[in-house]
Protein backbone atom coordinates (compact mmCIF):
# COMPACT_ATOMS: atom_id res chain seq x y z
CA MET A 1 80.75 40.75 -172.07
CA LYS A 2 82.08 42.03 -168.98
CA ILE A 3 78.53 42.74 -167.45
CA GLN A 4 77.62 39.00 -168.19
CA ALA A 5 80.77 37.59 -166.81
CA LEU A 6 80.18 39.99 -163.58
CA THR A 7 76.71 38.88 -163.47
CA ILE A 8 77.57 35.37 -163.50
CA VAL A 9 80.10 35.84 -160.62
CA THR A 10 77.58 37.81 -158.39
CA ALA A 11 75.00 34.91 -159.39
CA SER A 12 76.94 32.07 -158.18
CA ALA A 13 78.33 34.19 -155.24
CA ALA A 14 75.02 34.98 -154.24
CA SER A 15 73.82 31.25 -154.71
CA VAL A 16 76.26 30.03 -151.98
CA THR A 17 74.44 30.31 -148.71
CA PRO A 18 76.62 31.06 -145.63
CA VAL A 19 76.21 27.27 -144.32
CA GLN A 20 77.52 26.07 -147.67
CA LYS A 21 80.62 28.65 -147.26
CA VAL A 22 81.48 27.03 -143.94
CA ILE A 23 81.22 23.63 -145.14
CA GLN A 24 83.44 24.78 -148.00
CA LEU A 25 85.95 26.15 -145.54
CA MET A 26 85.57 23.16 -143.16
CA ASN A 27 86.34 20.72 -146.06
CA GLY A 28 89.31 23.04 -147.00
CA MET A 29 90.69 22.81 -143.59
CA LEU A 30 90.24 19.16 -143.68
CA GLU A 31 92.23 18.77 -147.07
CA LYS A 32 95.03 20.84 -145.70
CA GLY A 33 94.98 18.91 -142.11
CA LYS A 34 95.30 15.57 -144.26
CA GLU A 35 98.19 16.94 -146.01
CA GLU A 36 99.91 18.10 -143.22
CA LYS A 37 99.45 14.77 -141.40
CA HIS A 38 101.08 12.87 -144.37
CA GLU A 39 103.71 15.22 -144.65
CA GLU A 40 104.66 14.66 -140.60
CA GLN A 41 104.52 10.99 -141.46
CA VAL A 42 106.82 11.11 -143.94
CA GLN A 43 109.10 13.42 -141.83
CA PHE A 44 108.29 10.97 -138.74
CA ALA A 45 109.25 7.82 -140.96
CA ALA A 46 112.76 9.43 -141.81
CA TYR A 47 113.63 10.56 -138.18
CA LYS A 48 112.43 6.89 -137.12
CA THR A 49 114.86 5.48 -139.64
CA TRP A 50 117.88 7.67 -138.70
CA CYS A 51 117.26 6.71 -134.87
CA ASP A 52 117.08 3.07 -135.58
CA ASP A 53 120.17 3.32 -137.87
CA THR A 54 121.85 5.12 -135.46
CA ALA A 55 120.84 3.11 -132.54
CA THR A 56 122.12 0.04 -134.18
CA GLU A 57 125.38 1.70 -135.13
CA LYS A 58 126.06 3.12 -131.71
CA THR A 59 125.13 -0.64 -130.29
CA ARG A 60 127.52 -2.24 -132.72
CA ALA A 61 130.25 0.24 -131.81
CA ILE A 62 129.96 0.01 -128.23
CA LYS A 63 129.92 -4.20 -128.46
CA GLU A 64 133.23 -3.72 -130.35
CA ASP A 65 134.92 -1.33 -127.84
CA ASN A 66 134.13 -3.67 -125.07
CA GLU A 67 135.70 -6.60 -126.78
CA GLN A 68 138.55 -4.57 -127.38
CA ILE A 69 138.50 -3.10 -123.86
CA ASP A 70 138.62 -7.08 -122.81
CA SER A 71 141.51 -7.66 -125.23
CA LEU A 72 143.52 -5.07 -124.05
CA GLU A 73 142.85 -5.69 -120.29
CA ALA A 74 144.15 -9.37 -121.17
CA VAL A 75 147.32 -7.74 -122.88
CA ILE A 76 147.85 -5.64 -119.70
CA GLY A 77 147.56 -8.69 -117.50
CA LYS A 78 150.53 -10.51 -119.50
CA CYS A 79 152.43 -7.69 -119.71
CA GLU A 80 152.19 -7.37 -116.04
CA ALA A 81 153.20 -10.87 -115.42
CA ASP A 82 156.04 -10.37 -117.84
CA ILE A 83 157.49 -7.35 -115.98
CA SER A 84 157.10 -9.32 -112.53
CA LYS A 85 158.95 -12.06 -114.00
CA LEU A 86 161.81 -10.16 -115.72
CA THR A 87 162.22 -8.03 -112.55
CA LYS A 88 162.94 -11.27 -110.78
CA GLU A 89 165.43 -12.01 -113.62
CA ILE A 90 167.10 -8.71 -113.30
CA ALA A 91 167.49 -9.13 -109.48
CA GLN A 92 168.83 -12.56 -110.21
CA LEU A 93 171.37 -11.31 -112.63
CA ASP A 94 172.31 -8.51 -110.57
CA GLU A 95 173.28 -10.87 -107.81
CA ASP A 96 174.90 -13.01 -110.19
CA ILE A 97 176.92 -9.69 -111.42
CA SER A 98 177.86 -8.78 -107.80
CA VAL A 99 179.34 -12.57 -107.32
CA TYR A 100 181.39 -12.36 -110.08
CA GLU A 101 182.72 -8.93 -109.45
CA GLY A 102 183.44 -10.34 -106.29
CA ASP A 103 185.41 -13.17 -107.60
CA LEU A 104 187.31 -11.08 -110.12
CA LYS A 105 188.62 -8.87 -107.24
CA ALA A 106 189.73 -12.18 -105.12
């Protein structure tokens, strides 16, 4: 039985010509190349999705932060105006206190 199986394997191996072997190897390489290409396409699609999501998120965050900067700059401007106004009021009140203290002494 082993001799017959060996004979069949030898006969089938002998029936494959070198050109057929090269064709088989090239077909194997072609299939392997197609599989690798598909895997790379899947990886690239996942990477592209991540990039798009990240870009969208970063753009939104930048827009929100710029709006917050504008809002805070407006608050700072208002506070500076209040400081100027209150500084003048304090100076006026200090002057009034000086006058009243002068009146008390007199």
